[in-house]
Amino acid sequence: MNDSYESSTIKSTGKKLDQKDSVIDMLMRLCPEQYTIEELRARPLAEGVNTSKIEFYLSDDDFQKEFRMTKDEFYALPHWKQTNIKKSLGFF
């Protein structure tokens, strides 16, 4: 591939041609809205918020403060453990 094309791709997207998006990056593009911790604990939730993936709507900083781990670390946990953590933090 020509170097100028690859260079322009890196500048426009911030990624190399063969670099994959993380699941979190893809989900954030699909669900770009962010809410505060208080907004996500309040009921009723904003229209369109997926209650089974409520943590997606937190900023990375808010997520790390509340969950005491990164989103990548959280999503590496078994589903049952993710659910228990969300319950203990009041997101159910």
Protein backbone atom coordinates (compact mmCIF):
# COMPACT_ATOMS: atom_id res chain seq x y z
CA MET A 1 0.00 0.00 0.00
CA ASN A 2 1.30 3.46 -0.71
CA ASP A 3 2.77 5.39 2.22
CA SER A 4 0.84 8.60 1.57
CA TYR A 5 -2.51 6.75 1.70
CA GLU A 6 -1.55 4.96 4.91
CA SER A 7 -0.26 8.20 6.42
CA SER A 8 -3.47 10.05 5.56
CA THR A 9 -5.56 7.21 7.01
CA ILE A 10 -3.65 7.38 10.29
CA LYS A 11 -4.14 11.17 10.42
CA SER A 12 -7.87 11.02 9.67
CA THR A 13 -8.84 8.09 11.91
CA GLY A 14 -5.97 7.86 14.36
CA LYS A 15 -5.56 4.18 13.45
CA LYS A 16 -3.39 2.13 11.15
CA LEU A 17 -5.16 0.31 8.33
CA ASP A 18 -4.93 -3.09 10.05
CA GLN A 19 -5.75 -1.80 13.57
CA LYS A 20 -9.07 -3.08 14.94
CA ASP A 21 -11.51 -1.09 17.06
CA SER A 22 -12.13 -2.29 20.58
CA VAL A 23 -15.65 -3.36 21.48
CA ILE A 24 -15.91 -0.39 23.80
CA ASP A 25 -14.89 2.05 21.04
CA MET A 26 -17.51 0.57 18.72
CA LEU A 27 -20.23 0.71 21.37
CA MET A 28 -19.40 4.29 22.29
CA ARG A 29 -19.83 5.28 18.65
CA LEU A 30 -23.19 3.50 18.55
CA CYS A 31 -24.28 4.95 21.92
CA PRO A 32 -22.50 8.30 22.09
CA GLU A 33 -24.60 9.76 24.92
CA GLN A 34 -23.06 9.95 28.35
CA TYR A 35 -24.82 10.43 31.65
CA THR A 36 -23.64 11.10 35.17
CA ILE A 37 -23.72 8.43 37.85
CA GLU A 38 -26.68 10.17 39.51
CA GLU A 39 -28.65 10.30 36.25
CA LEU A 40 -28.13 6.58 35.68
CA ARG A 41 -29.29 5.70 39.19
CA ALA A 42 -32.40 7.87 38.92
CA ARG A 43 -35.68 6.41 37.70
CA PRO A 44 -37.14 6.68 35.21
CA LEU A 45 -34.07 6.59 32.99
CA ALA A 46 -33.76 8.76 29.91
CA GLU A 47 -35.53 7.38 26.86
CA GLY A 48 -33.33 5.03 24.86
CA VAL A 49 -30.99 4.03 27.70
CA ASN A 50 -30.35 0.29 27.55
CA THR A 51 -30.80 -0.82 31.16
CA SER A 52 -28.84 -4.03 30.65
CA LYS A 53 -25.77 -2.04 29.56
CA ILE A 54 -26.21 1.02 31.75
CA GLU A 55 -22.47 1.27 32.44
CA PHE A 56 -21.83 2.12 28.75
CA TYR A 57 -23.25 5.58 29.37
CA LEU A 58 -20.64 6.53 31.99
CA SER A 59 -17.55 8.47 30.99
CA ASP A 60 -14.31 6.53 31.40
CA ASP A 61 -13.41 8.67 34.44
CA ASP A 62 -16.80 8.20 36.13
CA PHE A 63 -16.70 4.48 35.37
CA GLN A 64 -13.27 4.08 36.93
CA LYS A 65 -14.21 6.13 40.01
CA GLU A 66 -17.39 4.14 40.59
CA PHE A 67 -16.30 0.63 39.55
CA ARG A 68 -12.65 0.97 40.66
CA MET A 69 -11.48 -0.61 37.41
CA THR A 70 -11.35 0.25 33.74
CA LYS A 71 -14.14 -0.69 31.35
CA ASP A 72 -11.83 -3.22 29.68
CA GLU A 73 -11.15 -4.88 33.05
CA PHE A 74 -14.88 -4.93 33.83
CA TYR A 75 -15.84 -6.49 30.48
CA ALA A 76 -13.18 -9.16 30.94
CA LEU A 77 -15.06 -10.41 34.03
CA PRO A 78 -17.69 -13.17 33.77
CA HIS A 79 -21.21 -11.86 33.14
CA TRP A 80 -22.48 -12.97 36.56
CA LYS A 81 -19.72 -11.00 38.26
CA GLN A 82 -20.48 -7.88 36.18
CA THR A 83 -24.14 -8.19 37.22
CA ASN A 84 -23.26 -8.53 40.91
CA ILE A 85 -21.00 -5.47 40.75
CA LYS A 86 -23.70 -3.39 39.06
CA LYS A 87 -26.23 -4.50 41.68
CA SER A 88 -23.90 -3.58 44.54
CA LEU A 89 -23.37 -0.12 43.02
CA GLY A 90 -27.10 0.55 42.69
CA PHE A 91 -27.44 0.32 38.92
CA PHE A 92 -30.35 -2.15 39.12
